[in-house]
Amino acid sequence: MGRIIAPLTITNALDPSKSMRFSALVDTGAAELVLPAAWRDRLGPMVTRRRVDVQTADQRVMSAEVCGPVIIHIDGFDVVSGEVMFLEMESDGDSYEPLLGYIVLEQSRAAVDLERHRLVPVRALDLKMVAA
């Protein structure tokens, strides 16, 4: 199984001077854009902040903070607004591995190409309607 790393920028929607550029691991098992709690102050004050419990892949339950609004731009894809989740993460030295989850991928119209291990643009959004 290959790893897909995506470069992206997030910006505090209410204070565009607060912005971060980094690369994140594409993780379709994660819902949100997940960043290390150590980066939280780099984006400045947020309008919404709430604590949530999250369950990790190894079944641990942890507390995280969801904040917003932020502007998220995955290089080469649509710019979207949303939230970011901050979670206590272990670093390998001085670096972390942020996770790019499926909600942001879908909003940005980015799909995972498992054969070539890359993100590809979605031509059209799914809209399934039930006939009345």
C-alpha atoms as a PDB file:
ATOM      1  CA  MET A   1       0.000   0.000   0.000  1.00  0.00           C
ATOM      2  CA  GLY A   2       1.422   3.363  -0.976  1.00  0.00           C
ATOM      3  CA  ARG A   3       1.293   6.632   0.862  1.00  0.00           C
ATOM      4  CA  ILE A   4      -0.297   9.711  -0.622  1.00  0.00           C
ATOM      5  CA  ILE A   5       1.017  13.016   0.661  1.00  0.00           C
ATOM      6  CA  ALA A   6      -0.787  16.235  -0.296  1.00  0.00           C
ATOM      7  CA  PRO A   7       0.552  19.776   0.076  1.00  0.00           C
ATOM      8  CA  LEU A   8      -2.012  22.237   1.394  1.00  0.00           C
ATOM      9  CA  THR A   9      -2.551  25.607   2.989  1.00  0.00           C
ATOM     10  CA  ILE A  10      -4.993  26.503   5.734  1.00  0.00           C
ATOM     11  CA  THR A  11      -5.895  30.039   6.718  1.00  0.00           C
ATOM     12  CA  ASN A  12      -7.945  31.475   9.551  1.00  0.00           C
ATOM     13  CA  ALA A  13     -11.055  32.682   7.695  1.00  0.00           C
ATOM     14  CA  LEU A  14     -11.382  35.747   9.928  1.00  0.00           C
ATOM     15  CA  ASP A  15      -7.682  36.632  10.057  1.00  0.00           C
ATOM     16  CA  PRO A  16      -5.988  35.877   6.705  1.00  0.00           C
ATOM     17  CA  SER A  17      -2.618  36.870   8.170  1.00  0.00           C
ATOM     18  CA  LYS A  18      -2.731  33.580  10.126  1.00  0.00           C
ATOM     19  CA  SER A  19      -1.913  30.846   7.640  1.00  0.00           C
ATOM     20  CA  MET A  20       0.030  27.577   7.521  1.00  0.00           C
ATOM     21  CA  ARG A  21       1.482  25.569   4.646  1.00  0.00           C
ATOM     22  CA  PHE A  22       2.406  21.903   5.126  1.00  0.00           C
ATOM     23  CA  SER A  23       1.976  18.416   3.684  1.00  0.00           C
ATOM     24  CA  ALA A  24      -0.522  15.917   5.078  1.00  0.00           C
ATOM     25  CA  LEU A  25      -1.006  12.176   4.764  1.00  0.00           C
ATOM     26  CA  VAL A  26      -4.219  11.371   2.887  1.00  0.00           C
ATOM     27  CA  ASP A  27      -6.203   9.164   5.267  1.00  0.00           C
ATOM     28  CA  THR A  28      -9.658   8.121   4.045  1.00  0.00           C
ATOM     29  CA  GLY A  29     -10.226   6.505   7.436  1.00  0.00           C
ATOM     30  CA  ALA A  30     -10.131   9.956   9.042  1.00  0.00           C
ATOM     31  CA  ALA A  31     -13.056  12.320   8.651  1.00  0.00           C
ATOM     32  CA  GLU A  32     -11.436  15.679   9.371  1.00  0.00           C
ATOM     33  CA  LEU A  33      -8.252  17.559   8.637  1.00  0.00           C
ATOM     34  CA  VAL A  34      -6.280  16.536  11.760  1.00  0.00           C
ATOM     35  CA  LEU A  35      -3.344  18.647  12.919  1.00  0.00           C
ATOM     36  CA  PRO A  36      -1.103  18.414  15.972  1.00  0.00           C
ATOM     37  CA  ALA A  37      -2.322  20.374  18.978  1.00  0.00           C
ATOM     38  CA  ALA A  38       1.160  21.932  19.112  1.00  0.00           C
ATOM     39  CA  TRP A  39       0.240  23.927  15.958  1.00  0.00           C
ATOM     40  CA  ARG A  40      -3.035  25.303  17.355  1.00  0.00           C
ATOM     41  CA  ASP A  41      -1.840  28.829  18.185  1.00  0.00           C
ATOM     42  CA  ARG A  42      -0.344  29.376  14.715  1.00  0.00           C
ATOM     43  CA  LEU A  43      -3.839  30.018  13.322  1.00  0.00           C
ATOM     44  CA  GLY A  44      -4.790  32.587  15.954  1.00  0.00           C
ATOM     45  CA  PRO A  45      -8.155  32.866  17.713  1.00  0.00           C
ATOM     46  CA  MET A  46     -11.055  30.906  16.257  1.00  0.00           C
ATOM     47  CA  VAL A  47     -14.765  31.721  16.375  1.00  0.00           C
ATOM     48  CA  THR A  48     -15.865  28.168  17.094  1.00  0.00           C
ATOM     49  CA  ARG A  49     -14.058  25.781  19.397  1.00  0.00           C
ATOM     50  CA  ARG A  50     -15.462  22.588  20.789  1.00  0.00           C
ATOM     51  CA  ARG A  51     -14.089  19.465  22.455  1.00  0.00           C
ATOM     52  CA  VAL A  52     -14.927  16.082  20.956  1.00  0.00           C
ATOM     53  CA  ASP A  53     -13.960  12.509  21.709  1.00  0.00           C
ATOM     54  CA  VAL A  54     -12.310  10.648  18.849  1.00  0.00           C
ATOM     55  CA  GLN A  55     -11.465   6.992  18.402  1.00  0.00           C
ATOM     56  CA  THR A  56      -8.113   6.173  16.837  1.00  0.00           C
ATOM     57  CA  ALA A  57      -7.330   3.262  14.532  1.00  0.00           C
ATOM     58  CA  ASP A  58      -5.931   1.332  17.499  1.00  0.00           C
ATOM     59  CA  GLN A  59      -9.243   1.827  19.384  1.00  0.00           C
ATOM     60  CA  ARG A  60      -7.984   4.466  21.845  1.00  0.00           C
ATOM     61  CA  VAL A  61     -10.448   7.209  22.733  1.00  0.00           C
ATOM     62  CA  MET A  62      -8.856  10.652  22.893  1.00  0.00           C
ATOM     63  CA  SER A  63     -10.031  14.215  23.309  1.00  0.00           C
ATOM     64  CA  ALA A  64      -9.591  16.645  20.407  1.00  0.00           C
ATOM     65  CA  GLU A  65     -10.497  20.254  19.704  1.00  0.00           C
ATOM     66  CA  VAL A  66     -12.421  21.193  16.557  1.00  0.00           C
ATOM     67  CA  CYS A  67     -11.956  24.834  15.497  1.00  0.00           C
ATOM     68  CA  GLY A  68     -13.063  27.074  12.682  1.00  0.00           C
ATOM     69  CA  PRO A  69     -13.772  28.562  10.355  1.00  0.00           C
ATOM     70  CA  VAL A  70     -10.702  27.967   8.225  1.00  0.00           C
ATOM     71  CA  ILE A  71     -10.035  28.143   4.511  1.00  0.00           C
ATOM     72  CA  ILE A  72      -8.469  24.927   3.191  1.00  0.00           C
ATOM     73  CA  HIS A  73      -6.639  24.706  -0.131  1.00  0.00           C
ATOM     74  CA  ILE A  74      -5.210  21.391  -1.283  1.00  0.00           C
ATOM     75  CA  ASP A  75      -2.790  22.257  -4.104  1.00  0.00           C
ATOM     76  CA  GLY A  76      -4.542  21.837  -7.461  1.00  0.00           C
ATOM     77  CA  PHE A  77      -8.061  21.475  -6.055  1.00  0.00           C
ATOM     78  CA  ASP A  78     -11.018  23.638  -5.036  1.00  0.00           C
ATOM     79  CA  VAL A  79     -10.605  25.994  -2.092  1.00  0.00           C
ATOM     80  CA  VAL A  80     -13.137  25.194   0.655  1.00  0.00           C
ATOM     81  CA  SER A  81     -14.106  26.485   4.066  1.00  0.00           C
ATOM     82  CA  GLY A  82     -14.469  24.219   7.046  1.00  0.00           C
ATOM     83  CA  GLU A  83     -13.007  23.206  10.365  1.00  0.00           C
ATOM     84  CA  VAL A  84      -9.777  21.680  11.565  1.00  0.00           C
ATOM     85  CA  MET A  85      -9.285  19.155  14.359  1.00  0.00           C
ATOM     86  CA  PHE A  86      -6.346  19.550  16.731  1.00  0.00           C
ATOM     87  CA  LEU A  87      -5.143  16.380  18.454  1.00  0.00           C
ATOM     88  CA  GLU A  88      -2.215  15.578  20.723  1.00  0.00           C
ATOM     89  CA  MET A  89       0.283  13.843  18.412  1.00  0.00           C
ATOM     90  CA  GLU A  90       3.714  12.380  18.917  1.00  0.00           C
ATOM     91  CA  SER A  91       6.452  13.875  16.798  1.00  0.00           C
ATOM     92  CA  ASP A  92       9.432  12.132  15.275  1.00  0.00           C
ATOM     93  CA  GLY A  93      11.991  14.710  16.269  1.00  0.00           C
ATOM     94  CA  ASP A  94      10.490  18.047  15.340  1.00  0.00           C
ATOM     95  CA  SER A  95       7.991  16.950  12.681  1.00  0.00           C
ATOM     96  CA  TYR A  96       4.411  15.690  12.792  1.00  0.00           C
ATOM     97  CA  GLU A  97       2.206  13.803  10.344  1.00  0.00           C
ATOM     98  CA  PRO A  98      -1.060  15.721   9.828  1.00  0.00           C
ATOM     99  CA  LEU A  99      -3.971  13.732   8.373  1.00  0.00           C
ATOM    100  CA  LEU A 100      -6.170  14.813   5.476  1.00  0.00           C
ATOM    101  CA  GLY A 101      -9.559  13.113   5.900  1.00  0.00           C
ATOM    102  CA  TYR A 102     -12.385  12.290   3.537  1.00  0.00           C
ATOM    103  CA  ILE A 103     -14.666  15.266   4.329  1.00  0.00           C
ATOM    104  CA  VAL A 104     -12.111  17.806   3.081  1.00  0.00           C
ATOM    105  CA  LEU A 105     -11.256  15.574   0.106  1.00  0.00           C
ATOM    106  CA  GLU A 106     -14.916  15.396  -0.938  1.00  0.00           C
ATOM    107  CA  GLN A 107     -15.476  19.132  -0.453  1.00  0.00           C
ATOM    108  CA  SER A 108     -12.359  19.899  -2.530  1.00  0.00           C
ATOM    109  CA  ARG A 109     -13.478  17.499  -5.284  1.00  0.00           C
ATOM    110  CA  ALA A 110     -10.376  15.355  -4.822  1.00  0.00           C
ATOM    111  CA  ALA A 111     -10.509  11.577  -5.248  1.00  0.00           C
ATOM    112  CA  VAL A 112      -7.898   8.998  -4.349  1.00  0.00           C
ATOM    113  CA  ASP A 113      -6.318   7.148  -7.284  1.00  0.00           C
ATOM    114  CA  LEU A 114      -5.164   3.954  -5.567  1.00  0.00           C
ATOM    115  CA  GLU A 115      -3.428   2.630  -8.673  1.00  0.00           C
ATOM    116  CA  ARG A 116      -1.118   5.628  -9.114  1.00  0.00           C
ATOM    117  CA  HIS A 117      -1.061   6.731  -5.448  1.00  0.00           C
ATOM    118  CA  ARG A 118      -2.174  10.292  -6.035  1.00  0.00           C
ATOM    119  CA  LEU A 119      -5.150  12.618  -5.783  1.00  0.00           C
ATOM    120  CA  VAL A 120      -7.172  13.243  -8.940  1.00  0.00           C
ATOM    121  CA  PRO A 121      -9.934  15.766  -9.661  1.00  0.00           C
ATOM    122  CA  VAL A 122     -13.563  14.674  -9.527  1.00  0.00           C
ATOM    123  CA  ARG A 123     -15.318  15.872 -12.667  1.00  0.00           C
ATOM    124  CA  ALA A 124     -18.807  16.062 -11.177  1.00  0.00           C
ATOM    125  CA  LEU A 125     -20.259  15.753  -7.702  1.00  0.00           C
ATOM    126  CA  ASP A 126     -22.638  12.882  -7.004  1.00  0.00           C
ATOM    127  CA  LEU A 127     -26.269  13.935  -6.858  1.00  0.00           C
ATOM    128  CA  LYS A 128     -28.669  11.077  -6.474  1.00  0.00           C
ATOM    129  CA  MET A 129     -32.281  12.159  -6.545  1.00  0.00           C
ATOM    130  CA  VAL A 130     -35.361  10.099  -5.853  1.00  0.00           C
ATOM    131  CA  ALA A 131     -38.165  10.607  -8.354  1.00  0.00           C
ATOM    132  CA  ALA A 132     -41.374  11.805  -6.739  1.00  0.00           C
END
